[in-house]
């Protein structure tokens, strides 16, 4: 049995592209992956491409704090633990001149690319800090936190990983 067996991961934006590839790699490595995204049909397609029984599809809108909270409530209720978070969901602004970019579009990009990973990481830390680990002594507990976002968010993850070192949350 691999070290990843019985570990739980959340991948946002799991229906296509990098999110799909990361999800499939994690499932093939033995993780059970919570596939999160807006379009259920795309999540189900990702699920079918991976090993049977190694995923759970959860629709979630990364621009909605309530939807993000519901995603992590589902993870905690279903598995009671979380071992890896891959913040992958993202979007770009339309190809227009900067001065013509509507504020609403700008805010949608910021909410998806910055605010959503921030909120997901907060929820993930709460689950990780609260979960019980029967297989390892406390001093050997380790959690993975992965982010694909703006460099400033990567810095946030590193800073938070250092701050939460007593809880053994880390950024490899």
C-alpha atoms as a PDB file:
ATOM      1  CA  UNK A   1       0.000   0.000   0.000  1.00  0.00           C
ATOM      2  CA  UNK A   2       1.410   3.399  -0.961  1.00  0.00           C
ATOM      3  CA  UNK A   3       1.881   6.277   1.445  1.00  0.00           C
ATOM      4  CA  UNK A   4      -0.895   8.111  -0.437  1.00  0.00           C
ATOM      5  CA  UNK A   5      -3.428   5.344   0.203  1.00  0.00           C
ATOM      6  CA  UNK A   6      -6.331   6.595   2.318  1.00  0.00           C
ATOM      7  CA  UNK A   7      -5.239  10.219   1.913  1.00  0.00           C
ATOM      8  CA  UNK A   8      -7.720  12.871   0.849  1.00  0.00           C
ATOM      9  CA  UNK A   9      -6.995  15.688  -1.607  1.00  0.00           C
ATOM     10  CA  UNK A  10      -9.098  18.595  -2.851  1.00  0.00           C
ATOM     11  CA  UNK A  11      -8.431  19.939  -6.333  1.00  0.00           C
ATOM     12  CA  UNK A  12     -10.258  23.082  -7.429  1.00  0.00           C
ATOM     13  CA  UNK A  13     -10.852  23.549 -11.135  1.00  0.00           C
ATOM     14  CA  UNK A  14     -10.649  19.755 -11.497  1.00  0.00           C
ATOM     15  CA  UNK A  15     -12.841  19.525 -14.589  1.00  0.00           C
ATOM     16  CA  UNK A  16     -10.281  20.550 -17.209  1.00  0.00           C
ATOM     17  CA  UNK A  17      -6.636  21.282 -17.954  1.00  0.00           C
ATOM     18  CA  UNK A  18      -4.101  21.336 -15.145  1.00  0.00           C
ATOM     19  CA  UNK A  19      -6.775  20.565 -12.541  1.00  0.00           C
ATOM     20  CA  UNK A  20      -7.838  17.443 -14.403  1.00  0.00           C
ATOM     21  CA  UNK A  21      -4.233  16.309 -14.899  1.00  0.00           C
ATOM     22  CA  UNK A  22      -3.381  16.899 -11.228  1.00  0.00           C
ATOM     23  CA  UNK A  23      -6.524  15.071 -10.118  1.00  0.00           C
ATOM     24  CA  UNK A  24      -5.760  12.046 -12.271  1.00  0.00           C
ATOM     25  CA  UNK A  25      -2.144  11.960 -11.084  1.00  0.00           C
ATOM     26  CA  UNK A  26      -3.265  12.087  -7.452  1.00  0.00           C
ATOM     27  CA  UNK A  27      -5.903   9.375  -7.973  1.00  0.00           C
ATOM     28  CA  UNK A  28      -3.354   7.164  -9.740  1.00  0.00           C
ATOM     29  CA  UNK A  29      -0.971   7.723  -6.807  1.00  0.00           C
ATOM     30  CA  UNK A  30      -3.623   6.396  -4.405  1.00  0.00           C
ATOM     31  CA  UNK A  31      -5.291   9.577  -3.146  1.00  0.00           C
ATOM     32  CA  UNK A  32      -9.042   9.922  -2.951  1.00  0.00           C
ATOM     33  CA  UNK A  33      -9.637  13.240  -4.700  1.00  0.00           C
ATOM     34  CA  UNK A  34     -12.497  15.645  -4.148  1.00  0.00           C
ATOM     35  CA  UNK A  35     -13.013  17.097  -7.617  1.00  0.00           C
ATOM     36  CA  UNK A  36     -14.286  20.661  -7.250  1.00  0.00           C
ATOM     37  CA  UNK A  37     -15.532  22.937 -10.007  1.00  0.00           C
ATOM     38  CA  UNK A  38     -18.538  24.711 -11.474  1.00  0.00           C
ATOM     39  CA  UNK A  39     -19.548  22.178 -14.115  1.00  0.00           C
ATOM     40  CA  UNK A  40     -20.626  18.782 -12.783  1.00  0.00           C
ATOM     41  CA  UNK A  41     -20.427  17.139 -16.209  1.00  0.00           C
ATOM     42  CA  UNK A  42     -16.725  18.047 -16.511  1.00  0.00           C
ATOM     43  CA  UNK A  43     -16.000  16.790 -12.986  1.00  0.00           C
ATOM     44  CA  UNK A  44     -17.770  13.517 -13.756  1.00  0.00           C
ATOM     45  CA  UNK A  45     -15.691  13.157 -16.926  1.00  0.00           C
ATOM     46  CA  UNK A  46     -12.500  13.609 -14.886  1.00  0.00           C
ATOM     47  CA  UNK A  47     -13.768  11.057 -12.375  1.00  0.00           C
ATOM     48  CA  UNK A  48     -14.426   8.475 -15.113  1.00  0.00           C
ATOM     49  CA  UNK A  49     -10.867   8.869 -16.403  1.00  0.00           C
ATOM     50  CA  UNK A  50      -9.421   7.877 -13.029  1.00  0.00           C
ATOM     51  CA  UNK A  51      -9.566   4.694 -10.966  1.00  0.00           C
ATOM     52  CA  UNK A  52     -13.063   3.747  -9.770  1.00  0.00           C
ATOM     53  CA  UNK A  53     -13.936   4.835  -6.255  1.00  0.00           C
ATOM     54  CA  UNK A  54     -11.057   7.314  -5.950  1.00  0.00           C
ATOM     55  CA  UNK A  55     -12.995  10.551  -6.376  1.00  0.00           C
ATOM     56  CA  UNK A  56     -15.962  12.576  -5.232  1.00  0.00           C
ATOM     57  CA  UNK A  57     -17.450  15.279  -7.485  1.00  0.00           C
ATOM     58  CA  UNK A  58     -18.562  18.461  -5.709  1.00  0.00           C
ATOM     59  CA  UNK A  59     -19.820  21.464  -7.615  1.00  0.00           C
ATOM     60  CA  UNK A  60     -18.415  24.669  -6.189  1.00  0.00           C
ATOM     61  CA  UNK A  61     -18.291  28.253  -7.401  1.00  0.00           C
ATOM     62  CA  UNK A  62     -14.938  29.730  -6.406  1.00  0.00           C
ATOM     63  CA  UNK A  63     -16.386  33.253  -6.495  1.00  0.00           C
ATOM     64  CA  UNK A  64     -18.826  32.366  -3.704  1.00  0.00           C
ATOM     65  CA  UNK A  65     -17.568  32.161  -0.105  1.00  0.00           C
ATOM     66  CA  UNK A  66     -20.688  30.142   0.816  1.00  0.00           C
ATOM     67  CA  UNK A  67     -19.987  27.639  -1.959  1.00  0.00           C
ATOM     68  CA  UNK A  68     -16.369  27.281  -0.844  1.00  0.00           C
ATOM     69  CA  UNK A  69     -17.501  26.715   2.759  1.00  0.00           C
ATOM     70  CA  UNK A  70     -19.990  24.088   1.573  1.00  0.00           C
ATOM     71  CA  UNK A  71     -17.210  22.305  -0.355  1.00  0.00           C
ATOM     72  CA  UNK A  72     -15.043  21.961   2.742  1.00  0.00           C
ATOM     73  CA  UNK A  73     -18.026  21.076   4.933  1.00  0.00           C
ATOM     74  CA  UNK A  74     -18.681  18.206   2.499  1.00  0.00           C
ATOM     75  CA  UNK A  75     -15.036  17.086   2.705  1.00  0.00           C
ATOM     76  CA  UNK A  76     -15.102  17.101   6.498  1.00  0.00           C
ATOM     77  CA  UNK A  77     -18.499  15.368   6.693  1.00  0.00           C
ATOM     78  CA  UNK A  78     -17.541  12.702   4.140  1.00  0.00           C
ATOM     79  CA  UNK A  79     -13.925  11.964   5.085  1.00  0.00           C
ATOM     80  CA  UNK A  80     -13.221  13.757   8.367  1.00  0.00           C
ATOM     81  CA  UNK A  81      -9.791  14.711   7.104  1.00  0.00           C
ATOM     82  CA  UNK A  82      -7.829  16.511   4.408  1.00  0.00           C
ATOM     83  CA  UNK A  83      -4.226  15.847   3.461  1.00  0.00           C
ATOM     84  CA  UNK A  84      -3.636  17.937   0.341  1.00  0.00           C
ATOM     85  CA  UNK A  85      -5.160  21.055  -1.192  1.00  0.00           C
ATOM     86  CA  UNK A  86      -4.398  21.976  -4.809  1.00  0.00           C
ATOM     87  CA  UNK A  87      -5.717  25.492  -5.484  1.00  0.00           C
ATOM     88  CA  UNK A  88      -6.004  25.353  -9.239  1.00  0.00           C
ATOM     89  CA  UNK A  89      -9.207  27.158 -10.268  1.00  0.00           C
ATOM     90  CA  UNK A  90      -8.436  30.352 -12.085  1.00  0.00           C
ATOM     91  CA  UNK A  91      -9.521  32.677 -14.836  1.00  0.00           C
ATOM     92  CA  UNK A  92      -8.149  35.476 -16.956  1.00  0.00           C
ATOM     93  CA  UNK A  93      -9.581  38.790 -18.037  1.00  0.00           C
ATOM     94  CA  UNK A  94     -10.864  39.109 -21.603  1.00  0.00           C
ATOM     95  CA  UNK A  95      -8.329  40.391 -24.142  1.00  0.00           C
ATOM     96  CA  UNK A  96      -9.309  44.056 -24.086  1.00  0.00           C
ATOM     97  CA  UNK A  97      -7.363  47.253 -23.523  1.00  0.00           C
ATOM     98  CA  UNK A  98      -6.736  47.724 -19.820  1.00  0.00           C
ATOM     99  CA  UNK A  99      -8.697  50.967 -19.705  1.00  0.00           C
ATOM    100  CA  UNK A 100     -11.699  49.172 -21.204  1.00  0.00           C
ATOM    101  CA  UNK A 101     -11.745  46.320 -18.686  1.00  0.00           C
ATOM    102  CA  UNK A 102     -14.980  46.549 -16.662  1.00  0.00           C
ATOM    103  CA  UNK A 103     -14.600  46.629 -12.894  1.00  0.00           C
ATOM    104  CA  UNK A 104     -16.958  43.643 -12.575  1.00  0.00           C
ATOM    105  CA  UNK A 105     -14.654  41.539 -14.775  1.00  0.00           C
ATOM    106  CA  UNK A 106     -11.595  42.655 -12.794  1.00  0.00           C
ATOM    107  CA  UNK A 107     -13.322  41.714  -9.539  1.00  0.00           C
ATOM    108  CA  UNK A 108     -14.291  38.296 -10.925  1.00  0.00           C
ATOM    109  CA  UNK A 109     -10.629  37.605 -11.780  1.00  0.00           C
ATOM    110  CA  UNK A 110      -9.433  38.741  -8.345  1.00  0.00           C
ATOM    111  CA  UNK A 111     -12.143  36.766  -6.559  1.00  0.00           C
ATOM    112  CA  UNK A 112     -11.339  33.587  -8.486  1.00  0.00           C
ATOM    113  CA  UNK A 113      -7.544  33.847  -8.553  1.00  0.00           C
ATOM    114  CA  UNK A 114      -6.800  35.395  -5.156  1.00  0.00           C
ATOM    115  CA  UNK A 115      -9.771  35.386  -2.799  1.00  0.00           C
ATOM    116  CA  UNK A 116     -10.859  31.798  -3.532  1.00  0.00           C
ATOM    117  CA  UNK A 117      -7.429  30.242  -2.825  1.00  0.00           C
ATOM    118  CA  UNK A 118      -7.223  32.332   0.350  1.00  0.00           C
ATOM    119  CA  UNK A 119     -10.617  31.030   1.537  1.00  0.00           C
ATOM    120  CA  UNK A 120      -9.883  27.450   0.459  1.00  0.00           C
ATOM    121  CA  UNK A 121      -6.593  27.529   2.357  1.00  0.00           C
ATOM    122  CA  UNK A 122      -8.301  28.825   5.492  1.00  0.00           C
ATOM    123  CA  UNK A 123     -10.842  26.008   5.367  1.00  0.00           C
ATOM    124  CA  UNK A 124      -8.150  23.426   4.615  1.00  0.00           C
ATOM    125  CA  UNK A 125      -6.031  24.586   7.572  1.00  0.00           C
ATOM    126  CA  UNK A 126      -9.024  24.277   9.889  1.00  0.00           C
ATOM    127  CA  UNK A 127      -9.652  20.685   8.823  1.00  0.00           C
ATOM    128  CA  UNK A 128      -5.970  19.762   8.900  1.00  0.00           C
ATOM    129  CA  UNK A 129      -5.447  21.198  12.364  1.00  0.00           C
ATOM    130  CA  UNK A 130      -8.523  19.450  13.776  1.00  0.00           C
ATOM    131  CA  UNK A 131      -8.120  16.000  12.265  1.00  0.00           C
ATOM    132  CA  UNK A 132      -6.894  13.027  14.227  1.00  0.00           C
ATOM    133  CA  UNK A 133      -4.023  10.864  12.989  1.00  0.00           C
ATOM    134  CA  UNK A 134      -4.008   7.291  14.206  1.00  0.00           C
ATOM    135  CA  UNK A 135      -1.257   6.055  11.899  1.00  0.00           C
ATOM    136  CA  UNK A 136       1.579   8.432  12.842  1.00  0.00           C
ATOM    137  CA  UNK A 137       2.915   9.885  16.074  1.00  0.00           C
ATOM    138  CA  UNK A 138       2.226  13.623  16.413  1.00  0.00           C
ATOM    139  CA  UNK A 139       5.825  14.613  15.623  1.00  0.00           C
ATOM    140  CA  UNK A 140       5.584  12.818  12.252  1.00  0.00           C
ATOM    141  CA  UNK A 141       2.300  14.344  11.058  1.00  0.00           C
ATOM    142  CA  UNK A 142       2.669  16.192   7.771  1.00  0.00           C
ATOM    143  CA  UNK A 143       0.232  17.891   5.437  1.00  0.00           C
ATOM    144  CA  UNK A 144       0.699  19.108   1.881  1.00  0.00           C
ATOM    145  CA  UNK A 145      -0.518  22.479   0.706  1.00  0.00           C
ATOM    146  CA  UNK A 146      -0.107  23.268  -2.967  1.00  0.00           C
ATOM    147  CA  UNK A 147      -1.111  26.470  -4.708  1.00  0.00           C
ATOM    148  CA  UNK A 148      -1.148  27.521  -8.327  1.00  0.00           C
ATOM    149  CA  UNK A 149      -1.845  31.226  -8.232  1.00  0.00           C
ATOM    150  CA  UNK A 150      -0.213  34.620  -8.316  1.00  0.00           C
ATOM    151  CA  UNK A 151       3.262  34.848  -6.710  1.00  0.00           C
ATOM    152  CA  UNK A 152       1.834  36.949  -3.907  1.00  0.00           C
ATOM    153  CA  UNK A 153      -0.477  34.070  -3.004  1.00  0.00           C
ATOM    154  CA  UNK A 154       2.451  31.657  -3.035  1.00  0.00           C
ATOM    155  CA  UNK A 155       4.109  33.971  -0.508  1.00  0.00           C
ATOM    156  CA  UNK A 156       0.935  33.902   1.568  1.00  0.00           C
ATOM    157  CA  UNK A 157       1.009  30.096   1.558  1.00  0.00           C
ATOM    158  CA  UNK A 158       4.671  30.027   2.602  1.00  0.00           C
ATOM    159  CA  UNK A 159       4.065  32.555   5.369  1.00  0.00           C
ATOM    160  CA  UNK A 160       1.038  30.636   6.640  1.00  0.00           C
ATOM    161  CA  UNK A 161       2.935  27.345   6.450  1.00  0.00           C
ATOM    162  CA  UNK A 162       5.660  28.830   8.659  1.00  0.00           C
ATOM    163  CA  UNK A 163       3.062  30.242  11.047  1.00  0.00           C
ATOM    164  CA  UNK A 164       1.299  26.875  11.294  1.00  0.00           C
ATOM    165  CA  UNK A 165       4.524  24.866  11.710  1.00  0.00           C
ATOM    166  CA  UNK A 166       3.476  23.753  15.226  1.00  0.00           C
ATOM    167  CA  UNK A 167       0.540  22.023  13.517  1.00  0.00           C
ATOM    168  CA  UNK A 168       2.879  20.442  10.922  1.00  0.00           C
ATOM    169  CA  UNK A 169       1.250  22.144   7.942  1.00  0.00           C
ATOM    170  CA  UNK A 170       3.930  22.783   5.354  1.00  0.00           C
ATOM    171  CA  UNK A 171       4.623  23.974   1.828  1.00  0.00           C
ATOM    172  CA  UNK A 172       7.153  21.632   0.191  1.00  0.00           C
END
